[in-house]
């Protein structure tokens, strides 16, 4: 009887081990957080007012200003709550200069980067979110927005869209099926009548090089909306400095 029970246990153990050996092992999905390189100069800290943009969390805002989540909670009497509302105004005490937090998610679908302009004098991720929602879209169409010192956002500030955070396809360029394979970046401004600011260009170069390096996107696949076959638009405008833009991209990466 003991020998029979022992044999059953051995067979059972062998079955379990063989099952484990053949079962597929899925690697964990990792997210890399890229934060704009910190300067060596001491941070000039001051109390600031921050308007919550679409997709922003306490964690992301704390990283942007190099403060703790608890400090933001305390300054705004949030208690233990982590919930924020778009358009909510927060006091951030002793905030450092703002730095973008760009999440990089493993994916093989991103083959292009499409550059847009808003064709408006002013704007922000929140303003565009509201406009796109009014058109029946579920979310902000772009993956990133680069501001121009309007709507209480700084010149060159990089805003990360909920569409990027949620790993969703875009709604920014239907032509060529780009919504399904291209990252959409919108610069606030009308570059048919004005020029890209220096800070916007610096941020664009940094963002594009961060994305193209991580997703192995070829330089020739970084184009404007109007350069996509089938797109009937001048976006990102006649004044967009393509030669200078590509030159800066190469300078930063060496290729």
C-alpha atoms as a PDB file:
ATOM      1  CA  UNK A   1       0.000   0.000   0.000  1.00  0.00           C
ATOM      2  CA  UNK A   2       2.795   2.459   0.929  1.00  0.00           C
ATOM      3  CA  UNK A   3       4.625   1.539  -2.269  1.00  0.00           C
ATOM      4  CA  UNK A   4       1.493   2.307  -4.337  1.00  0.00           C
ATOM      5  CA  UNK A   5       0.984   5.727  -2.702  1.00  0.00           C
ATOM      6  CA  UNK A   6       4.671   6.506  -3.200  1.00  0.00           C
ATOM      7  CA  UNK A   7       4.451   5.598  -6.885  1.00  0.00           C
ATOM      8  CA  UNK A   8       1.411   7.854  -7.367  1.00  0.00           C
ATOM      9  CA  UNK A   9       3.216  10.763  -5.718  1.00  0.00           C
ATOM     10  CA  UNK A  10       6.259  10.282  -7.952  1.00  0.00           C
ATOM     11  CA  UNK A  11       4.101  10.185 -11.079  1.00  0.00           C
ATOM     12  CA  UNK A  12       2.216  13.271  -9.980  1.00  0.00           C
ATOM     13  CA  UNK A  13       5.423  15.177  -9.301  1.00  0.00           C
ATOM     14  CA  UNK A  14       6.833  14.136 -12.662  1.00  0.00           C
ATOM     15  CA  UNK A  15       3.662  15.379 -14.399  1.00  0.00           C
ATOM     16  CA  UNK A  16       3.829  18.752 -12.645  1.00  0.00           C
ATOM     17  CA  UNK A  17       7.507  19.224 -13.474  1.00  0.00           C
ATOM     18  CA  UNK A  18       6.985  18.279 -17.109  1.00  0.00           C
ATOM     19  CA  UNK A  19       4.058  20.708 -17.350  1.00  0.00           C
ATOM     20  CA  UNK A  20       6.145  23.542 -15.912  1.00  0.00           C
ATOM     21  CA  UNK A  21       8.950  22.765 -18.318  1.00  0.00           C
ATOM     22  CA  UNK A  22       6.722  23.014 -21.386  1.00  0.00           C
ATOM     23  CA  UNK A  23       4.492  25.905 -20.290  1.00  0.00           C
ATOM     24  CA  UNK A  24       5.364  29.185 -22.031  1.00  0.00           C
ATOM     25  CA  UNK A  25       6.973  31.723 -19.737  1.00  0.00           C
ATOM     26  CA  UNK A  26       5.930  35.278 -20.532  1.00  0.00           C
ATOM     27  CA  UNK A  27       8.480  37.942 -19.631  1.00  0.00           C
ATOM     28  CA  UNK A  28       7.104  40.792 -17.538  1.00  0.00           C
ATOM     29  CA  UNK A  29       6.166  43.938 -19.437  1.00  0.00           C
ATOM     30  CA  UNK A  30       8.561  46.629 -18.321  1.00  0.00           C
ATOM     31  CA  UNK A  31       8.187  50.371 -18.635  1.00  0.00           C
ATOM     32  CA  UNK A  32      11.151  52.687 -18.865  1.00  0.00           C
ATOM     33  CA  UNK A  33      10.669  56.213 -17.571  1.00  0.00           C
ATOM     34  CA  UNK A  34      12.786  58.725 -19.448  1.00  0.00           C
ATOM     35  CA  UNK A  35      13.225  62.017 -17.595  1.00  0.00           C
ATOM     36  CA  UNK A  36      14.792  65.037 -19.273  1.00  0.00           C
ATOM     37  CA  UNK A  37      18.484  65.169 -18.255  1.00  0.00           C
ATOM     38  CA  UNK A  38      18.966  67.111 -15.050  1.00  0.00           C
ATOM     39  CA  UNK A  39      21.338  70.074 -15.123  1.00  0.00           C
ATOM     40  CA  UNK A  40      24.309  70.272 -12.779  1.00  0.00           C
ATOM     41  CA  UNK A  41      23.310  73.772 -11.639  1.00  0.00           C
ATOM     42  CA  UNK A  42      21.378  73.996  -8.363  1.00  0.00           C
ATOM     43  CA  UNK A  43      17.619  73.851  -8.935  1.00  0.00           C
ATOM     44  CA  UNK A  44      15.785  77.133  -8.476  1.00  0.00           C
ATOM     45  CA  UNK A  45      12.753  76.090  -6.445  1.00  0.00           C
ATOM     46  CA  UNK A  46       9.557  78.048  -6.063  1.00  0.00           C
ATOM     47  CA  UNK A  47       5.873  77.531  -5.338  1.00  0.00           C
ATOM     48  CA  UNK A  48       3.901  77.127  -8.560  1.00  0.00           C
ATOM     49  CA  UNK A  49       0.315  76.537  -9.645  1.00  0.00           C
ATOM     50  CA  UNK A  50      -0.176  73.503 -11.880  1.00  0.00           C
ATOM     51  CA  UNK A  51      -3.293  72.794 -13.966  1.00  0.00           C
ATOM     52  CA  UNK A  52      -3.844  69.036 -14.271  1.00  0.00           C
ATOM     53  CA  UNK A  53      -3.669  67.894 -17.896  1.00  0.00           C
ATOM     54  CA  UNK A  54      -5.326  64.790 -19.396  1.00  0.00           C
ATOM     55  CA  UNK A  55      -3.732  61.605 -18.093  1.00  0.00           C
ATOM     56  CA  UNK A  56      -1.628  63.248 -15.392  1.00  0.00           C
ATOM     57  CA  UNK A  57      -1.310  61.533 -12.014  1.00  0.00           C
ATOM     58  CA  UNK A  58       0.168  62.572  -8.684  1.00  0.00           C
ATOM     59  CA  UNK A  59       3.139  60.324  -9.418  1.00  0.00           C
ATOM     60  CA  UNK A  60       3.805  61.961 -12.790  1.00  0.00           C
ATOM     61  CA  UNK A  61       3.395  65.511 -11.478  1.00  0.00           C
ATOM     62  CA  UNK A  62       5.698  64.771  -8.532  1.00  0.00           C
ATOM     63  CA  UNK A  63       8.357  63.479 -10.957  1.00  0.00           C
ATOM     64  CA  UNK A  64       7.924  66.515 -13.214  1.00  0.00           C
ATOM     65  CA  UNK A  65       8.690  68.944 -10.399  1.00  0.00           C
ATOM     66  CA  UNK A  66      11.044  66.747  -8.332  1.00  0.00           C
ATOM     67  CA  UNK A  67       8.849  66.793  -5.230  1.00  0.00           C
ATOM     68  CA  UNK A  68       7.135  64.058  -3.235  1.00  0.00           C
ATOM     69  CA  UNK A  69       3.562  62.888  -3.700  1.00  0.00           C
ATOM     70  CA  UNK A  70       2.954  63.457   0.009  1.00  0.00           C
ATOM     71  CA  UNK A  71       4.039  67.090  -0.298  1.00  0.00           C
ATOM     72  CA  UNK A  72       1.497  67.667  -3.087  1.00  0.00           C
ATOM     73  CA  UNK A  73      -1.218  65.930  -1.075  1.00  0.00           C
ATOM     74  CA  UNK A  74      -0.461  68.009   2.012  1.00  0.00           C
ATOM     75  CA  UNK A  75      -0.334  71.343   0.152  1.00  0.00           C
ATOM     76  CA  UNK A  76      -3.716  70.648  -1.468  1.00  0.00           C
ATOM     77  CA  UNK A  77      -5.491  68.895   1.438  1.00  0.00           C
ATOM     78  CA  UNK A  78      -5.952  65.721  -0.623  1.00  0.00           C
ATOM     79  CA  UNK A  79      -5.620  63.303   2.301  1.00  0.00           C
ATOM     80  CA  UNK A  80      -4.874  59.797   1.049  1.00  0.00           C
ATOM     81  CA  UNK A  81      -6.668  60.325  -2.253  1.00  0.00           C
ATOM     82  CA  UNK A  82      -4.778  59.753  -5.503  1.00  0.00           C
ATOM     83  CA  UNK A  83      -7.594  60.891  -7.789  1.00  0.00           C
ATOM     84  CA  UNK A  84      -7.188  64.062  -9.842  1.00  0.00           C
ATOM     85  CA  UNK A  85      -9.530  65.800 -12.269  1.00  0.00           C
ATOM     86  CA  UNK A  86      -8.545  67.356 -15.571  1.00  0.00           C
ATOM     87  CA  UNK A  87      -8.387  71.112 -15.160  1.00  0.00           C
ATOM     88  CA  UNK A  88      -7.899  70.837 -11.391  1.00  0.00           C
ATOM     89  CA  UNK A  89      -5.466  73.414 -10.049  1.00  0.00           C
ATOM     90  CA  UNK A  90      -2.746  72.196  -7.685  1.00  0.00           C
ATOM     91  CA  UNK A  91      -0.274  74.090  -5.545  1.00  0.00           C
ATOM     92  CA  UNK A  92       3.186  72.564  -5.880  1.00  0.00           C
ATOM     93  CA  UNK A  93       5.452  73.911  -3.171  1.00  0.00           C
ATOM     94  CA  UNK A  94       9.203  74.265  -3.708  1.00  0.00           C
ATOM     95  CA  UNK A  95       8.952  72.909  -7.243  1.00  0.00           C
ATOM     96  CA  UNK A  96      12.091  72.518  -9.343  1.00  0.00           C
ATOM     97  CA  UNK A  97      12.102  73.489 -13.022  1.00  0.00           C
ATOM     98  CA  UNK A  98       9.637  71.289 -14.865  1.00  0.00           C
ATOM     99  CA  UNK A  99      10.988  68.195 -16.605  1.00  0.00           C
ATOM    100  CA  UNK A 100       8.968  65.896 -18.878  1.00  0.00           C
ATOM    101  CA  UNK A 101       8.470  62.265 -17.883  1.00  0.00           C
ATOM    102  CA  UNK A 102       8.309  60.142 -21.039  1.00  0.00           C
ATOM    103  CA  UNK A 103       7.196  56.553 -20.531  1.00  0.00           C
ATOM    104  CA  UNK A 104       8.663  54.056 -23.011  1.00  0.00           C
ATOM    105  CA  UNK A 105       6.639  50.883 -23.461  1.00  0.00           C
ATOM    106  CA  UNK A 106       7.919  47.786 -25.305  1.00  0.00           C
ATOM    107  CA  UNK A 107       6.151  47.652 -28.685  1.00  0.00           C
ATOM    108  CA  UNK A 108       6.878  46.739 -32.304  1.00  0.00           C
ATOM    109  CA  UNK A 109       4.008  48.725 -33.857  1.00  0.00           C
ATOM    110  CA  UNK A 110       5.674  52.143 -34.009  1.00  0.00           C
ATOM    111  CA  UNK A 111       7.397  52.570 -37.384  1.00  0.00           C
ATOM    112  CA  UNK A 112       6.952  56.311 -37.992  1.00  0.00           C
ATOM    113  CA  UNK A 113       6.846  59.623 -36.153  1.00  0.00           C
ATOM    114  CA  UNK A 114       4.495  62.255 -37.582  1.00  0.00           C
ATOM    115  CA  UNK A 115       5.049  65.953 -36.794  1.00  0.00           C
ATOM    116  CA  UNK A 116       2.005  68.246 -36.629  1.00  0.00           C
ATOM    117  CA  UNK A 117       1.254  71.849 -35.788  1.00  0.00           C
ATOM    118  CA  UNK A 118      -1.971  72.893 -34.123  1.00  0.00           C
ATOM    119  CA  UNK A 119      -2.532  75.705 -36.672  1.00  0.00           C
ATOM    120  CA  UNK A 120      -3.640  77.832 -33.700  1.00  0.00           C
ATOM    121  CA  UNK A 121      -1.904  80.636 -31.836  1.00  0.00           C
ATOM    122  CA  UNK A 122      -2.570  79.004 -28.471  1.00  0.00           C
ATOM    123  CA  UNK A 123      -3.285  75.582 -27.041  1.00  0.00           C
ATOM    124  CA  UNK A 124      -2.387  72.783 -24.660  1.00  0.00           C
ATOM    125  CA  UNK A 125      -3.102  69.096 -24.204  1.00  0.00           C
ATOM    126  CA  UNK A 126      -6.188  69.979 -22.158  1.00  0.00           C
ATOM    127  CA  UNK A 127      -7.498  72.431 -24.770  1.00  0.00           C
ATOM    128  CA  UNK A 128      -6.992  69.935 -27.585  1.00  0.00           C
ATOM    129  CA  UNK A 129      -8.541  67.144 -25.524  1.00  0.00           C
ATOM    130  CA  UNK A 130     -11.716  69.186 -25.100  1.00  0.00           C
ATOM    131  CA  UNK A 131     -11.783  70.074 -28.806  1.00  0.00           C
ATOM    132  CA  UNK A 132     -11.255  66.492 -29.944  1.00  0.00           C
ATOM    133  CA  UNK A 133     -13.941  65.266 -27.560  1.00  0.00           C
ATOM    134  CA  UNK A 134     -16.339  67.815 -29.055  1.00  0.00           C
ATOM    135  CA  UNK A 135     -15.718  66.171 -32.428  1.00  0.00           C
ATOM    136  CA  UNK A 136     -16.751  62.793 -31.060  1.00  0.00           C
ATOM    137  CA  UNK A 137     -13.276  61.371 -30.458  1.00  0.00           C
ATOM    138  CA  UNK A 138     -12.758  59.396 -27.271  1.00  0.00           C
ATOM    139  CA  UNK A 139      -9.462  61.010 -26.415  1.00  0.00           C
ATOM    140  CA  UNK A 140      -6.810  63.524 -27.425  1.00  0.00           C
ATOM    141  CA  UNK A 141      -5.716  62.481 -30.923  1.00  0.00           C
ATOM    142  CA  UNK A 142      -1.976  63.065 -30.499  1.00  0.00           C
ATOM    143  CA  UNK A 143       0.476  61.126 -28.365  1.00  0.00           C
ATOM    144  CA  UNK A 144       2.470  64.207 -27.332  1.00  0.00           C
ATOM    145  CA  UNK A 145       1.960  67.977 -27.312  1.00  0.00           C
ATOM    146  CA  UNK A 146       4.784  70.545 -27.180  1.00  0.00           C
ATOM    147  CA  UNK A 147       3.544  73.854 -25.780  1.00  0.00           C
ATOM    148  CA  UNK A 148       4.277  77.477 -26.720  1.00  0.00           C
ATOM    149  CA  UNK A 149       3.889  79.466 -23.507  1.00  0.00           C
ATOM    150  CA  UNK A 150       0.102  79.691 -23.627  1.00  0.00           C
ATOM    151  CA  UNK A 151      -2.731  78.222 -21.523  1.00  0.00           C
ATOM    152  CA  UNK A 152      -0.451  78.341 -18.460  1.00  0.00           C
ATOM    153  CA  UNK A 153       2.056  75.963 -20.031  1.00  0.00           C
ATOM    154  CA  UNK A 154       5.710  76.807 -20.593  1.00  0.00           C
ATOM    155  CA  UNK A 155       7.346  77.328 -23.951  1.00  0.00           C
ATOM    156  CA  UNK A 156       8.779  73.962 -24.991  1.00  0.00           C
ATOM    157  CA  UNK A 157       6.944  71.994 -22.293  1.00  0.00           C
ATOM    158  CA  UNK A 158       6.296  68.400 -23.362  1.00  0.00           C
ATOM    159  CA  UNK A 159       2.876  67.055 -22.416  1.00  0.00           C
ATOM    160  CA  UNK A 160       2.232  63.316 -22.568  1.00  0.00           C
ATOM    161  CA  UNK A 161      -1.214  62.355 -23.846  1.00  0.00           C
ATOM    162  CA  UNK A 162      -3.434  59.711 -22.197  1.00  0.00           C
ATOM    163  CA  UNK A 163      -3.377  57.998 -25.597  1.00  0.00           C
ATOM    164  CA  UNK A 164       0.356  57.343 -25.142  1.00  0.00           C
ATOM    165  CA  UNK A 165       0.087  56.338 -21.504  1.00  0.00           C
ATOM    166  CA  UNK A 166      -2.700  53.855 -22.361  1.00  0.00           C
ATOM    167  CA  UNK A 167      -0.662  52.509 -25.326  1.00  0.00           C
ATOM    168  CA  UNK A 168      -3.416  53.394 -27.798  1.00  0.00           C
ATOM    169  CA  UNK A 169      -3.232  53.979 -31.534  1.00  0.00           C
ATOM    170  CA  UNK A 170      -3.416  57.586 -32.683  1.00  0.00           C
ATOM    171  CA  UNK A 171      -6.158  59.688 -34.232  1.00  0.00           C
ATOM    172  CA  UNK A 172      -3.915  62.221 -35.926  1.00  0.00           C
ATOM    173  CA  UNK A 173      -3.192  60.997 -39.478  1.00  0.00           C
ATOM    174  CA  UNK A 174      -5.637  58.755 -41.323  1.00  0.00           C
ATOM    175  CA  UNK A 175      -3.643  58.838 -44.567  1.00  0.00           C
ATOM    176  CA  UNK A 176      -1.394  55.856 -45.153  1.00  0.00           C
ATOM    177  CA  UNK A 177      -2.812  54.071 -42.126  1.00  0.00           C
ATOM    178  CA  UNK A 178      -0.471  56.142 -39.987  1.00  0.00           C
ATOM    179  CA  UNK A 179      -2.805  56.162 -37.002  1.00  0.00           C
ATOM    180  CA  UNK A 180      -1.876  52.505 -36.475  1.00  0.00           C
ATOM    181  CA  UNK A 181       1.880  52.731 -36.916  1.00  0.00           C
ATOM    182  CA  UNK A 182       2.954  56.322 -36.229  1.00  0.00           C
ATOM    183  CA  UNK A 183       3.532  58.318 -33.059  1.00  0.00           C
ATOM    184  CA  UNK A 184       1.836  61.714 -33.346  1.00  0.00           C
ATOM    185  CA  UNK A 185       3.548  64.836 -31.971  1.00  0.00           C
ATOM    186  CA  UNK A 186       1.807  68.215 -32.143  1.00  0.00           C
ATOM    187  CA  UNK A 187       3.567  71.547 -31.641  1.00  0.00           C
ATOM    188  CA  UNK A 188       1.304  74.373 -30.534  1.00  0.00           C
ATOM    189  CA  UNK A 189       1.406  77.175 -33.114  1.00  0.00           C
ATOM    190  CA  UNK A 190       0.622  78.054 -36.700  1.00  0.00           C
ATOM    191  CA  UNK A 191       3.826  77.587 -38.676  1.00  0.00           C
ATOM    192  CA  UNK A 192       2.317  78.970 -41.857  1.00  0.00           C
ATOM    193  CA  UNK A 193       2.467  82.404 -40.244  1.00  0.00           C
ATOM    194  CA  UNK A 194       5.057  82.069 -37.452  1.00  0.00           C
ATOM    195  CA  UNK A 195       8.172  80.110 -36.572  1.00  0.00           C
ATOM    196  CA  UNK A 196       8.918  77.253 -34.202  1.00  0.00           C
ATOM    197  CA  UNK A 197      10.418  78.658 -31.001  1.00  0.00           C
ATOM    198  CA  UNK A 198      13.922  77.630 -29.985  1.00  0.00           C
ATOM    199  CA  UNK A 199      12.626  75.891 -26.866  1.00  0.00           C
ATOM    200  CA  UNK A 200       9.983  74.012 -28.841  1.00  0.00           C
ATOM    201  CA  UNK A 201      12.614  72.820 -31.299  1.00  0.00           C
ATOM    202  CA  UNK A 202      14.964  71.695 -28.516  1.00  0.00           C
ATOM    203  CA  UNK A 203      12.141  69.717 -26.904  1.00  0.00           C
ATOM    204  CA  UNK A 204      11.060  68.230 -30.235  1.00  0.00           C
ATOM    205  CA  UNK A 205      14.593  67.058 -31.017  1.00  0.00           C
ATOM    206  CA  UNK A 206      14.954  65.531 -27.563  1.00  0.00           C
ATOM    207  CA  UNK A 207      11.557  63.797 -27.735  1.00  0.00           C
ATOM    208  CA  UNK A 208      11.971  62.471 -31.280  1.00  0.00           C
ATOM    209  CA  UNK A 209      15.465  61.137 -30.616  1.00  0.00           C
ATOM    210  CA  UNK A 210      14.294  59.479 -27.399  1.00  0.00           C
ATOM    211  CA  UNK A 211      11.471  57.744 -29.267  1.00  0.00           C
ATOM    212  CA  UNK A 212      13.342  56.808 -32.431  1.00  0.00           C
ATOM    213  CA  UNK A 213      16.238  55.330 -30.472  1.00  0.00           C
ATOM    214  CA  UNK A 214      13.984  53.205 -28.258  1.00  0.00           C
ATOM    215  CA  UNK A 215      11.689  52.031 -31.071  1.00  0.00           C
ATOM    216  CA  UNK A 216      14.402  51.842 -33.733  1.00  0.00           C
ATOM    217  CA  UNK A 217      12.609  54.243 -36.073  1.00  0.00           C
ATOM    218  CA  UNK A 218      14.508  55.236 -39.212  1.00  0.00           C
ATOM    219  CA  UNK A 219      15.254  58.916 -39.787  1.00  0.00           C
ATOM    220  CA  UNK A 220      13.453  58.764 -43.148  1.00  0.00           C
ATOM    221  CA  UNK A 221      10.277  57.717 -41.299  1.00  0.00           C
ATOM    222  CA  UNK A 222      10.161  60.970 -39.324  1.00  0.00           C
ATOM    223  CA  UNK A 223       7.931  63.173 -41.460  1.00  0.00           C
ATOM    224  CA  UNK A 224       5.327  65.893 -41.381  1.00  0.00           C
ATOM    225  CA  UNK A 225       1.613  65.230 -41.649  1.00  0.00           C
ATOM    226  CA  UNK A 226       1.514  66.822 -45.107  1.00  0.00           C
ATOM    227  CA  UNK A 227       4.353  64.603 -46.362  1.00  0.00           C
ATOM    228  CA  UNK A 228       2.312  61.435 -45.902  1.00  0.00           C
ATOM    229  CA  UNK A 229       0.975  60.146 -49.216  1.00  0.00           C
ATOM    230  CA  UNK A 230      -2.719  60.916 -49.481  1.00  0.00           C
ATOM    231  CA  UNK A 231      -2.739  63.623 -46.811  1.00  0.00           C
ATOM    232  CA  UNK A 232      -4.195  66.906 -48.032  1.00  0.00           C
ATOM    233  CA  UNK A 233      -2.686  69.392 -45.615  1.00  0.00           C
ATOM    234  CA  UNK A 234       0.255  71.773 -45.231  1.00  0.00           C
ATOM    235  CA  UNK A 235       0.758  70.588 -41.642  1.00  0.00           C
ATOM    236  CA  UNK A 236       3.133  71.293 -39.880  1.00  0.00           C
ATOM    237  CA  UNK A 237       3.236  74.511 -41.909  1.00  0.00           C
ATOM    238  CA  UNK A 238       5.357  76.124 -44.602  1.00  0.00           C
ATOM    239  CA  UNK A 239       7.743  77.638 -42.051  1.00  0.00           C
ATOM    240  CA  UNK A 240       8.680  74.399 -40.326  1.00  0.00           C
ATOM    241  CA  UNK A 241      12.520  74.206 -40.545  1.00  0.00           C
ATOM    242  CA  UNK A 242      13.007  70.676 -41.847  1.00  0.00           C
ATOM    243  CA  UNK A 243      16.684  71.016 -42.791  1.00  0.00           C
ATOM    244  CA  UNK A 244      17.616  72.401 -39.380  1.00  0.00           C
ATOM    245  CA  UNK A 245      15.418  69.820 -37.624  1.00  0.00           C
ATOM    246  CA  UNK A 246      17.053  66.822 -39.325  1.00  0.00           C
ATOM    247  CA  UNK A 247      20.502  68.318 -38.764  1.00  0.00           C
ATOM    248  CA  UNK A 248      19.829  68.684 -35.029  1.00  0.00           C
ATOM    249  CA  UNK A 249      18.506  65.105 -34.835  1.00  0.00           C
ATOM    250  CA  UNK A 250      21.753  63.824 -36.338  1.00  0.00           C
ATOM    251  CA  UNK A 251      23.898  66.043 -34.104  1.00  0.00           C
ATOM    252  CA  UNK A 252      22.292  64.643 -30.966  1.00  0.00           C
ATOM    253  CA  UNK A 253      22.698  60.987 -31.938  1.00  0.00           C
ATOM    254  CA  UNK A 254      25.590  61.005 -34.373  1.00  0.00           C
ATOM    255  CA  UNK A 255      23.497  59.453 -37.165  1.00  0.00           C
END
